[in-house]
Each structure stands twice: as C-alpha cells, then as structure tokens.
C-alpha cells in the first residue's frame, strides 16, 4: 500500500521524498517498538528521569 504513497503521480518512477521519509520513519518506529531493531548506545538514554533537574534547582 505504501508504494502508491511514495511514488509521484506527476512523474512516474520518481519518489516523493517527504512521503518516502515519513514511511521509512513510521516503519522504523514500529520495528523499534516491537524490538526487531536496536540502536547501539541507546542504553545510555534508557532512564530519562536521570536527565531531569533536581527539585531544588
């Protein structure tokens, strides 16, 4: 289904870059969510609460 979205109707055979990038990132999000793809070094950012300022500040 996404092939119809990423190819230009005005210029056959050409990709619409914005649509293609949106589809790539949508697929990447799904793969990251289900654990089929991993990011090296992501464990350094695993606990976002460590990056918050203390209440005193």
Protein backbone atom coordinates (compact mmCIF):
# COMPACT_ATOMS: atom_id res chain seq x y z
CA UNK A 1 0.00 0.00 0.00
CA UNK A 2 2.81 2.45 0.77
CA UNK A 3 4.21 2.22 -2.77
CA UNK A 4 1.26 4.26 -4.07
CA UNK A 5 2.03 6.91 -1.46
CA UNK A 6 5.75 7.35 -2.07
CA UNK A 7 5.73 7.45 -5.89
CA UNK A 8 4.87 10.68 -7.67
CA UNK A 9 1.73 10.74 -9.79
CA UNK A 10 3.04 13.59 -11.95
CA UNK A 11 6.44 11.98 -12.61
CA UNK A 12 6.16 8.19 -12.93
CA UNK A 13 9.06 6.32 -11.36
CA UNK A 14 10.09 9.24 -9.13
CA UNK A 15 9.77 9.17 -5.36
CA UNK A 16 8.17 11.92 -3.31
CA UNK A 17 10.95 12.42 -0.77
CA UNK A 18 8.79 13.66 2.11
CA UNK A 19 6.36 10.79 1.76
CA UNK A 20 9.21 8.28 1.48
CA UNK A 21 10.92 9.63 4.61
CA UNK A 22 7.64 9.56 6.54
CA UNK A 23 7.12 5.91 5.59
CA UNK A 24 10.70 4.97 6.50
CA UNK A 25 10.39 6.57 9.92
CA UNK A 26 6.96 5.04 10.50
CA UNK A 27 8.41 1.60 9.76
CA UNK A 28 11.44 2.29 11.93
CA UNK A 29 9.24 3.34 14.86
CA UNK A 30 7.29 0.10 14.62
CA UNK A 31 10.46 -2.00 14.43
CA UNK A 32 11.94 -0.22 17.45
CA UNK A 33 8.69 -0.64 19.38
CA UNK A 34 8.50 -4.39 18.84
CA UNK A 35 12.24 -4.94 19.38
CA UNK A 36 13.21 -6.09 15.88
CA UNK A 37 15.64 -3.16 15.54
CA UNK A 38 18.05 -1.83 18.16
CA UNK A 39 20.13 1.33 18.40
CA UNK A 40 23.72 0.96 19.58
CA UNK A 41 24.29 3.16 22.63
CA UNK A 42 20.58 3.60 23.35
CA UNK A 43 21.02 2.17 26.84
CA UNK A 44 22.79 5.42 27.79
CA UNK A 45 19.43 7.17 27.39
CA UNK A 46 17.27 4.41 28.87
CA UNK A 47 16.33 6.28 32.04
CA UNK A 48 15.16 9.76 31.03
CA UNK A 49 14.49 10.66 34.68
CA UNK A 50 18.25 10.91 35.33
CA UNK A 51 18.39 13.87 32.94
CA UNK A 52 15.86 15.92 34.93
CA UNK A 53 16.97 18.71 37.23
CA UNK A 54 16.60 18.19 40.98
CA UNK A 55 13.53 19.86 42.55
CA UNK A 56 15.81 22.31 44.43
CA UNK A 57 17.04 23.81 41.16
